[in-house]
Protein backbone atom coordinates (compact mmCIF):
# COMPACT_ATOMS: atom_id res chain seq x y z
CA MET A 1 113.32 81.41 -97.55
CA LYS A 2 117.03 80.78 -97.25
CA LEU A 3 118.47 77.53 -98.59
CA ASP A 4 121.50 75.64 -97.37
CA ILE A 5 122.06 73.99 -100.75
CA LEU A 6 120.87 75.04 -104.21
CA VAL A 7 121.25 72.48 -106.99
CA ILE A 8 121.41 74.04 -110.46
CA ALA A 9 120.63 71.64 -113.30
CA ALA A 10 120.54 72.11 -117.07
CA HIS A 11 117.61 69.69 -117.45
CA PRO A 12 114.86 68.22 -115.28
CA ASP A 13 116.24 64.85 -114.07
CA ASP A 14 119.93 65.91 -114.14
CA ALA A 15 119.91 66.43 -110.37
CA GLU A 16 118.07 63.17 -109.71
CA LEU A 17 120.44 61.13 -111.86
CA ALA A 18 123.65 62.64 -110.51
CA CYS A 19 123.18 63.81 -106.92
CA SER A 20 119.75 62.98 -105.51
CA GLY A 21 121.33 60.68 -102.93
CA THR A 22 123.36 63.61 -101.64
CA ILE A 23 120.24 65.79 -101.67
CA ALA A 24 118.23 63.23 -99.69
CA ALA A 25 121.07 62.65 -97.22
CA HIS A 26 121.32 66.36 -96.40
CA ILE A 27 117.57 66.88 -96.18
CA ALA A 28 117.51 64.03 -93.66
CA LYS A 29 120.02 65.99 -91.58
CA GLY A 30 117.72 69.01 -91.54
CA TYR A 31 119.26 71.09 -94.33
CA LYS A 32 117.03 73.02 -96.72
CA VAL A 33 117.72 72.01 -100.32
CA GLY A 34 116.20 73.25 -103.57
CA ILE A 35 116.65 72.70 -107.30
CA LEU A 36 116.77 75.31 -110.04
CA ASP A 37 116.26 73.67 -113.44
CA LEU A 38 117.53 75.82 -116.30
CA THR A 39 115.43 74.31 -119.12
CA LYS A 40 112.27 72.26 -119.48
CA GLY A 41 114.10 69.58 -121.47
CA GLU A 42 111.91 70.29 -124.49
CA MET A 43 114.51 69.02 -126.96
CA GLY A 44 114.56 65.58 -125.36
CA THR A 45 113.58 62.62 -127.54
CA ARG A 46 110.76 61.51 -125.26
CA GLY A 47 108.02 63.27 -123.35
CA THR A 48 106.86 66.90 -123.45
CA PRO A 49 107.80 69.98 -121.41
CA GLU A 50 104.48 69.67 -119.58
CA THR A 51 105.16 66.04 -118.74
CA ARG A 52 108.68 66.85 -117.55
CA LEU A 53 107.35 69.55 -115.21
CA LYS A 54 104.81 67.13 -113.68
CA GLU A 55 107.53 64.52 -113.25
CA SER A 56 109.81 67.13 -111.65
CA SER A 57 107.06 67.90 -109.14
CA SER A 58 106.71 64.20 -108.25
CA ALA A 59 110.48 63.80 -107.84
CA SER A 60 110.58 66.93 -105.65
CA GLN A 61 107.96 65.46 -103.31
CA ILE A 62 109.87 62.19 -103.08
CA LEU A 63 113.08 64.01 -102.11
CA GLY A 64 111.37 66.53 -99.81
CA LEU A 65 112.77 69.63 -101.51
CA SER A 66 112.14 73.07 -100.02
CA MET A 67 111.71 74.56 -103.50
CA ARG A 68 112.02 73.77 -107.17
CA GLU A 69 111.75 76.28 -109.98
CA ASN A 70 112.39 76.25 -113.72
CA LEU A 71 113.96 79.18 -115.56
CA GLY A 72 112.67 78.12 -118.98
CA PHE A 73 115.96 78.63 -120.82
CA ARG A 74 115.99 77.19 -124.35
CA ASP A 75 117.05 73.57 -124.15
CA VAL A 76 120.27 73.03 -126.15
CA PHE A 77 120.34 76.65 -127.34
CA PHE A 78 120.75 78.65 -124.12
CA GLU A 79 123.87 80.80 -124.15
CA ASP A 80 126.84 81.47 -121.91
CA ASP A 81 126.05 85.19 -121.68
CA GLU A 82 124.97 88.09 -119.47
CA LYS A 83 121.24 87.51 -119.89
CA HIS A 84 121.48 83.97 -118.59
CA TYR A 85 123.92 84.79 -115.78
CA LEU A 86 121.61 87.47 -114.42
CA ALA A 87 118.55 85.22 -114.56
CA ILE A 88 120.37 82.74 -112.30
CA VAL A 89 121.81 85.50 -110.10
CA LYS A 90 118.28 86.57 -109.12
CA TYR A 91 117.58 83.12 -107.69
CA ILE A 92 120.94 82.86 -105.95
CA ARG A 93 120.26 86.20 -104.26
CA LYS A 94 116.68 85.21 -103.46
CA TYR A 95 117.57 81.92 -101.77
CA GLN A 96 121.10 82.77 -100.52
CA PRO A 97 122.49 79.20 -100.55
CA GLU A 98 125.72 78.40 -98.73
CA ILE A 99 126.54 75.68 -101.27
CA VAL A 100 125.70 75.33 -104.96
CA LEU A 101 125.82 71.95 -106.71
CA ALA A 102 126.10 72.39 -110.48
CA ASN A 103 126.36 70.29 -113.63
CA ALA A 104 129.51 68.40 -114.52
CA VAL A 105 132.37 70.48 -115.90
CA SER A 106 132.16 68.48 -119.14
CA ASP A 107 129.90 65.68 -120.31
CA ARG A 108 128.31 63.83 -123.22
CA HIS A 109 125.50 66.39 -123.47
CA PRO A 110 126.96 69.85 -124.19
CA ASP A 111 124.29 71.51 -122.04
CA HIS A 112 125.82 69.88 -118.98
CA GLY A 113 129.24 71.49 -119.26
CA LYS A 114 127.63 74.74 -120.41
CA GLY A 115 125.14 74.64 -117.53
CA GLY A 116 127.94 74.07 -115.02
CA LEU A 117 129.91 76.98 -116.45
CA VAL A 118 126.95 79.39 -116.50
CA ALA A 119 126.06 78.44 -112.92
CA SER A 120 129.63 78.97 -111.75
CA LYS A 121 129.88 82.39 -113.38
CA ALA A 122 126.49 83.38 -111.94
CA CYS A 123 127.68 82.46 -108.44
CA PHE A 124 130.62 84.84 -108.79
CA ILE A 125 128.58 87.63 -110.37
CA SER A 126 125.96 87.30 -107.64
CA GLY A 127 128.55 88.49 -105.13
CA LEU A 128 129.31 91.73 -106.98
CA ARG A 129 127.58 94.62 -105.25
CA LYS A 130 127.59 96.82 -108.36
CA VAL A 131 125.60 94.25 -110.33
CA SER A 132 121.99 95.31 -109.83
CA THR A 133 119.04 92.89 -109.83
CA LEU A 134 115.42 93.25 -108.73
CA TRP A 135 112.95 90.80 -107.23
CA ASP A 136 109.31 91.92 -107.13
CA GLY A 137 110.52 95.44 -107.77
CA ASN A 138 112.93 95.46 -104.84
CA ASP A 139 116.71 95.67 -104.99
CA GLN A 140 118.46 92.42 -104.14
CA ALA A 141 121.50 92.26 -101.90
CA ALA A 142 124.70 90.72 -103.26
CA TRP A 143 125.24 87.11 -102.23
CA ARG A 144 127.99 84.66 -103.13
CA PRO A 145 127.76 80.98 -102.16
CA LYS A 146 130.72 79.77 -100.11
CA PHE A 147 131.29 76.65 -102.23
CA ILE A 148 130.48 75.37 -105.71
CA TYR A 149 130.75 71.64 -106.35
CA HIS A 150 130.10 69.92 -109.69
CA TYR A 151 128.30 66.59 -109.71
CA ILE A 152 129.55 63.92 -112.09
CA GLN A 153 127.13 62.78 -114.79
CA ASN A 154 127.49 60.43 -117.76
CA ASN A 155 131.21 60.73 -118.54
CA TYR A 156 133.66 59.41 -116.01
CA ILE A 157 135.51 62.17 -114.17
CA LYS A 158 137.75 61.35 -111.25
CA PRO A 159 135.97 62.84 -108.22
CA ASP A 160 137.66 65.14 -105.74
CA PHE A 161 135.37 63.75 -103.05
CA VAL A 162 132.62 61.14 -102.77
CA VAL A 163 129.48 61.32 -100.62
CA ASP A 164 128.25 58.12 -98.98
CA VAL A 165 124.62 57.79 -100.12
CA SER A 166 124.13 54.12 -99.27
CA ALA A 167 121.24 54.78 -96.88
CA PHE A 168 119.43 56.86 -99.51
CA TRP A 169 119.94 54.81 -102.65
CA GLU A 170 116.37 53.56 -102.82
CA LYS A 171 115.06 57.13 -102.51
CA LYS A 172 117.46 58.22 -105.25
CA MET A 173 116.16 55.53 -107.61
CA GLU A 174 112.56 56.37 -106.72
CA SER A 175 113.17 60.03 -107.61
CA ILE A 176 114.78 59.03 -110.92
CA GLN A 177 111.88 56.76 -111.81
CA ALA A 178 109.45 59.62 -111.20
CA PHE A 179 110.57 60.71 -114.69
CA LYS A 180 108.57 57.87 -116.24
CA SER A 181 108.61 59.34 -119.75
CA GLN A 182 112.40 59.28 -119.92
CA PHE A 183 113.43 55.80 -118.85
CA TYR A 184 112.94 52.22 -119.95
CA ASP A 185 109.34 51.14 -120.44
CA PRO A 186 108.77 48.07 -122.64
CA ASP A 187 105.23 49.29 -123.38
CA SER A 188 106.23 52.78 -124.50
CA LYS A 189 105.51 53.72 -128.12
CA GLU A 190 108.01 56.60 -128.07
CA PRO A 191 111.38 56.36 -129.83
CA GLU A 192 114.26 54.99 -127.82
CA SER A 193 116.79 57.47 -126.49
CA PHE A 194 120.22 57.19 -124.91
CA ILE A 195 118.77 57.16 -121.39
CA SER A 196 115.67 55.06 -122.16
CA SER A 197 117.64 51.93 -123.06
CA SER A 198 117.08 48.94 -120.82
CA GLY A 199 120.66 49.10 -119.52
CA PHE A 200 120.84 52.78 -118.58
CA LEU A 201 119.63 52.44 -114.99
CA ASP A 202 122.03 49.52 -114.59
CA PHE A 203 124.77 52.02 -115.47
CA ILE A 204 123.53 54.40 -112.75
CA GLU A 205 123.68 51.52 -110.28
CA ALA A 206 127.17 50.55 -111.42
CA ARG A 207 128.43 54.14 -111.18
CA GLY A 208 127.02 54.43 -107.66
CA ARG A 209 128.71 51.19 -106.66
CA GLU A 210 131.99 52.27 -108.26
CA PHE A 211 132.09 55.55 -106.35
CA GLY A 212 130.92 53.80 -103.20
CA HIS A 213 133.65 51.19 -103.53
CA SER A 214 136.25 53.97 -103.73
CA ILE A 215 135.39 55.02 -100.15
CA ASN A 216 134.57 51.52 -98.87
CA VAL A 217 130.77 51.92 -98.75
CA LYS A 218 127.99 50.43 -100.89
CA TYR A 219 126.94 53.51 -102.88
CA GLY A 220 128.48 56.92 -103.48
CA GLU A 221 128.09 60.07 -105.56
CA GLY A 222 131.15 61.90 -106.84
CA PHE A 223 131.87 65.62 -107.09
CA THR A 224 134.64 67.86 -108.36
CA VAL A 225 135.68 71.13 -106.75
CA GLU A 226 136.68 74.51 -108.17
CA ARG A 227 139.18 75.30 -105.44
CA MET A 228 141.05 73.46 -102.72
CA ILE A 229 139.00 72.21 -99.78
CA GLY A 230 140.28 73.13 -96.32
CA ILE A 231 139.53 71.40 -93.02
CA GLU A 232 140.27 72.12 -89.37
CA ASP A 233 140.40 68.55 -88.09
CA ILE A 234 142.01 65.73 -90.07
CA PHE A 235 139.72 63.29 -88.26
CA ASP A 236 136.93 64.72 -90.44
CA LEU A 237 138.52 62.87 -93.35
CA LYS A 238 137.14 59.38 -93.91
């Protein structure tokens, strides 16, 4: 199965928090979108890897993803190295996405910037014909996505472009709340974490409104680019 968009995320819930509105908007237009989670989030304060995988499955159904897989890298401790590049390359070559959405270039959690960097390098390496990878014992053809965009996460980064996700905000929040173990629950007996505080989802709302305001819509999601964007018709700019 070929994807139009592959979202690469360091942790389960990264994609939902940062770009699930964009995912939902493009699925509604008929594009095939999938998520490749790099870790199971096992170092998180709350929940278990098993719980996170079940929650990921629920969020995937809400968004209508074409696929979601988890590479099982070590949360916090995965490296920026050949082993990890090649593991991602296999999935890029398998699904042949036109666009990859990856973690923020830098962020509060070091896995986010590291995840974005590893994903970017893997996209380049995937296009090198002399780099050999196998899938089910068969040689994979080289494939390089046309574009890599980095979604903005906790830290404020000035976006290079903003996607209008106003019509899909409720679906975005529903997909986030599928990760019940991670977010505010007054009845939870687990220790509080940075993202489980009662005000964290208010921050997500405020960030969406801030980016939306910048393009004169209700809600938006921001992205940065690795290289200049070109267009053929200036009327495509909004």
